[in-house]
Protein backbone atom coordinates (compact mmCIF):
# COMPACT_ATOMS: atom_id res chain seq x y z
CA MET A 1 14.89 102.33 129.41
CA LYS A 2 16.45 100.33 132.06
CA ASN A 3 17.68 97.76 130.14
CA LYS A 4 18.77 100.52 127.23
CA ARG A 5 20.92 102.08 129.84
CA LYS A 6 22.87 98.58 130.41
CA TRP A 7 23.55 97.92 127.16
CA LEU A 8 24.80 101.06 126.48
CA LYS A 9 26.97 100.79 129.57
CA HIS A 10 28.14 97.47 128.39
CA LYS A 11 28.65 98.70 124.74
CA LYS A 12 31.17 101.20 125.49
CA LYS A 13 33.21 98.17 127.11
CA ILE A 14 32.97 95.56 124.70
CA LEU A 15 33.53 97.43 121.61
CA PRO A 16 37.19 98.21 121.79
CA LEU A 17 37.89 94.45 122.80
CA ILE A 18 36.06 93.55 119.68
CA LEU A 19 38.02 95.93 117.65
CA VAL A 20 41.20 94.52 118.77
CA ALA A 21 39.92 91.04 118.47
CA LEU A 22 38.93 91.88 115.00
CA ALA A 23 43.10 93.56 114.31
CA LEU A 24 44.20 90.79 115.62
CA VAL A 25 42.13 88.20 113.20
CA VAL A 26 43.38 90.29 110.85
CA VAL A 27 46.95 90.38 111.41
CA PHE A 28 46.79 86.42 111.73
CA TYR A 29 44.53 86.04 108.46
CA TYR A 30 47.24 88.61 106.43
CA TYR A 31 50.55 88.27 108.16
CA ILE A 32 50.80 85.10 110.58
CA LEU A 33 48.68 82.36 108.25
CA PRO A 34 50.10 82.64 105.28
CA SER A 35 53.77 81.34 106.63
CA PHE A 36 52.56 78.70 107.65
CA PHE A 37 51.41 76.98 104.20
CA THR A 38 53.61 78.78 101.42
CA ILE A 39 56.89 77.93 100.96
CA PRO A 40 58.73 80.11 99.25
CA ASP A 41 62.15 78.30 98.28
CA LEU A 42 59.64 75.97 96.28
CA SER A 43 58.49 78.78 94.04
CA THR A 44 60.49 79.28 90.68
CA HIS A 45 59.13 82.73 90.15
CA GLY A 46 61.82 84.82 89.13
CA PHE A 47 63.88 81.83 88.16
CA SER A 48 64.61 79.76 84.51
CA PRO A 49 65.20 76.44 84.02
CA VAL A 50 68.60 75.65 82.71
CA THR A 51 70.34 73.21 80.42
CA VAL A 52 73.64 72.02 82.30
CA ASP A 53 76.90 71.68 79.60
CA LEU A 54 80.23 69.99 81.05
CA ASP A 55 83.60 71.10 79.81
CA VAL A 56 86.77 69.16 82.18
CA GLY A 57 90.02 70.55 81.00
CA GLU A 58 93.67 69.75 82.13
CA ASP A 59 93.70 71.56 85.20
CA GLU A 60 89.67 72.77 85.71
CA GLY A 61 86.65 72.17 84.68
CA THR A 62 83.88 74.57 83.48
CA LEU A 63 79.64 74.60 84.25
CA ILE A 64 77.78 75.94 81.50
CA PHE A 65 73.88 76.59 82.15
CA ASP A 66 71.83 77.36 79.24
CA SER A 67 68.41 79.35 79.55
CA GLU A 68 66.57 80.03 76.59
CA CYS A 69 68.45 83.40 76.02
CA TYR A 70 71.39 83.65 78.48
CA GLU A 71 74.46 81.40 79.20
CA ILE A 72 76.32 81.31 82.55
CA SER A 73 79.77 79.46 82.84
CA MET A 74 81.17 78.89 85.79
CA THR A 75 84.63 77.59 86.93
CA ILE A 76 85.21 74.58 88.93
CA THR A 77 87.86 72.21 90.15
CA LYS A 78 89.15 69.57 87.79
CA ASP A 79 87.90 67.13 91.22
CA GLN A 80 84.88 68.93 90.90
CA ALA A 81 84.57 68.05 86.81
CA VAL A 82 85.14 64.86 87.15
CA SER A 83 82.95 64.33 89.98
CA ILE A 84 79.70 65.77 87.83
CA GLN A 85 81.53 63.17 84.84
CA ASN A 86 81.20 60.22 86.77
CA GLY A 87 77.52 61.15 88.52
CA ILE A 88 76.05 61.76 84.67
CA ASN A 89 77.91 58.32 83.49
CA GLY A 90 76.98 56.53 86.30
CA VAL A 91 80.71 55.85 87.54
CA ILE A 92 81.57 54.77 91.03
CA ASP A 93 85.18 54.48 92.01
CA TYR A 94 86.77 51.26 93.79
CA ARG A 95 85.84 53.97 96.75
CA PRO A 96 82.64 56.25 96.78
CA ASN A 97 83.47 60.32 97.31
CA THR A 98 81.35 62.48 99.23
CA HIS A 99 79.23 63.42 96.72
CA ASP A 100 78.31 59.05 96.25
CA LEU A 101 78.11 58.82 99.74
CA MET A 102 75.36 61.87 99.92
CA ASN A 103 73.55 60.33 97.50
CA ASP A 104 73.53 56.93 99.15
CA MET A 105 72.70 58.78 102.10
CA LEU A 106 69.32 60.59 100.67
CA LYS A 107 68.35 57.21 99.02
CA ASN A 108 68.78 55.55 102.34
CA LEU A 109 66.40 57.87 104.11
CA GLY A 110 63.90 58.02 101.77
CA ALA A 111 64.56 61.29 100.67
CA LYS A 112 64.12 63.00 97.41
CA ILE A 113 65.57 66.19 95.51
CA LEU A 114 63.46 68.16 94.47
CA MET A 115 65.30 70.76 92.26
CA VAL A 116 68.80 72.95 92.37
CA LYS A 117 68.32 76.48 92.63
CA ILE A 118 71.44 79.17 91.79
CA THR A 119 69.94 81.70 93.32
CA GLU A 120 72.84 84.82 93.87
CA MET A 121 76.22 85.80 93.43
CA ARG A 122 78.09 86.95 96.87
CA ASP A 123 81.86 88.10 97.25
CA SER A 124 82.35 86.89 93.35
CA VAL A 125 80.74 83.53 94.40
CA TYR A 126 77.79 81.36 93.46
CA ILE A 127 75.30 80.28 95.56
CA ALA A 128 73.02 77.14 94.97
CA LYS A 129 70.60 76.25 97.16
CA ILE A 130 69.12 72.24 97.12
CA LEU A 131 65.71 71.42 98.24
CA ILE A 132 65.13 67.86 99.18
CA LYS A 133 61.59 66.59 100.18
CA LYS A 134 61.36 63.70 103.40
CA ASP A 135 58.19 62.96 103.48
CA ASN A 136 56.46 65.75 104.34
CA LEU A 137 59.44 67.89 105.46
CA ILE A 138 61.35 70.16 102.99
CA LEU A 139 64.55 70.94 103.23
CA SER A 140 66.79 74.27 101.70
CA LEU A 141 70.48 73.53 102.18
CA ASP A 142 72.93 75.69 100.96
CA SER A 143 75.47 74.25 98.23
CA ARG A 144 78.24 75.42 95.83
CA PRO A 145 76.86 74.94 92.62
CA SER A 146 78.85 72.16 91.81
CA ASP A 147 78.38 70.27 94.84
CA ALA A 148 74.25 70.31 94.31
CA ILE A 149 74.97 69.30 90.14
CA ALA A 150 77.18 66.57 91.55
CA ILE A 151 74.86 65.00 93.93
CA ALA A 152 71.96 65.45 91.38
CA ALA A 153 73.45 63.91 88.44
CA ARG A 154 73.77 60.80 90.46
CA THR A 155 70.00 60.45 91.15
CA GLU A 156 68.07 57.63 89.06
CA TYR A 157 65.41 60.22 88.17
CA PHE A 158 65.61 64.12 86.40
CA ILE A 159 66.22 66.63 88.26
CA ASP A 160 64.88 70.30 87.49
CA ILE A 161 68.00 73.36 87.44
CA TYR A 162 67.09 76.90 88.04
CA VAL A 163 68.95 80.15 87.77
CA ASN A 164 67.65 83.99 88.85
CA ASP A 165 67.01 85.36 86.03
CA THR A 166 68.44 88.67 87.39
CA LEU A 167 71.50 86.86 87.62
CA LEU A 168 71.47 85.39 84.67
CA GLU A 169 70.84 88.86 82.94
CA THR A 170 73.59 90.36 85.08
CA MET A 171 76.22 87.79 85.19
CA GLY A 172 74.82 85.99 81.79
CA GLU A 173 76.04 85.90 77.73
CA LYS A 174 72.75 86.79 75.61
CA ILE A 175 73.04 84.08 73.22
CA CYS A 176 69.86 85.16 71.48
């Protein structure tokens, strides 16, 4: 009987501690732990793969992103358009430009571009992310779409390019 009373006395003190510990485990498991194992920028959920076309005009250039049913066009400077075209054609001027320099830096550091994502439009300006992998580190860098495409065009491997589905539907022209 004495042992039973001791147990009941300790049970009243231990039970709240167990409940707090259990609550902490639940919070850790559902809210903290997933952030260590997920990399949201690598997700392509809500994005569509696109092909890129380029038109270099007299005064400006046009980047055209085609998905299955939508097309988005964006005006870029002639310099950007020429840089993208040079990247696609493997042309390096007698002095490297900024995009050539970035490509050389990435190569020499052993980094690799994983993908380019056009994520949103803010104040009438398209926003892109260029995702880069170096060893076990993944960087998501804010970029202009034209810069991201110009750097990606200089790699020796294919780079996937994605556009946010909402952006395609709201800013794009329906082509099917």
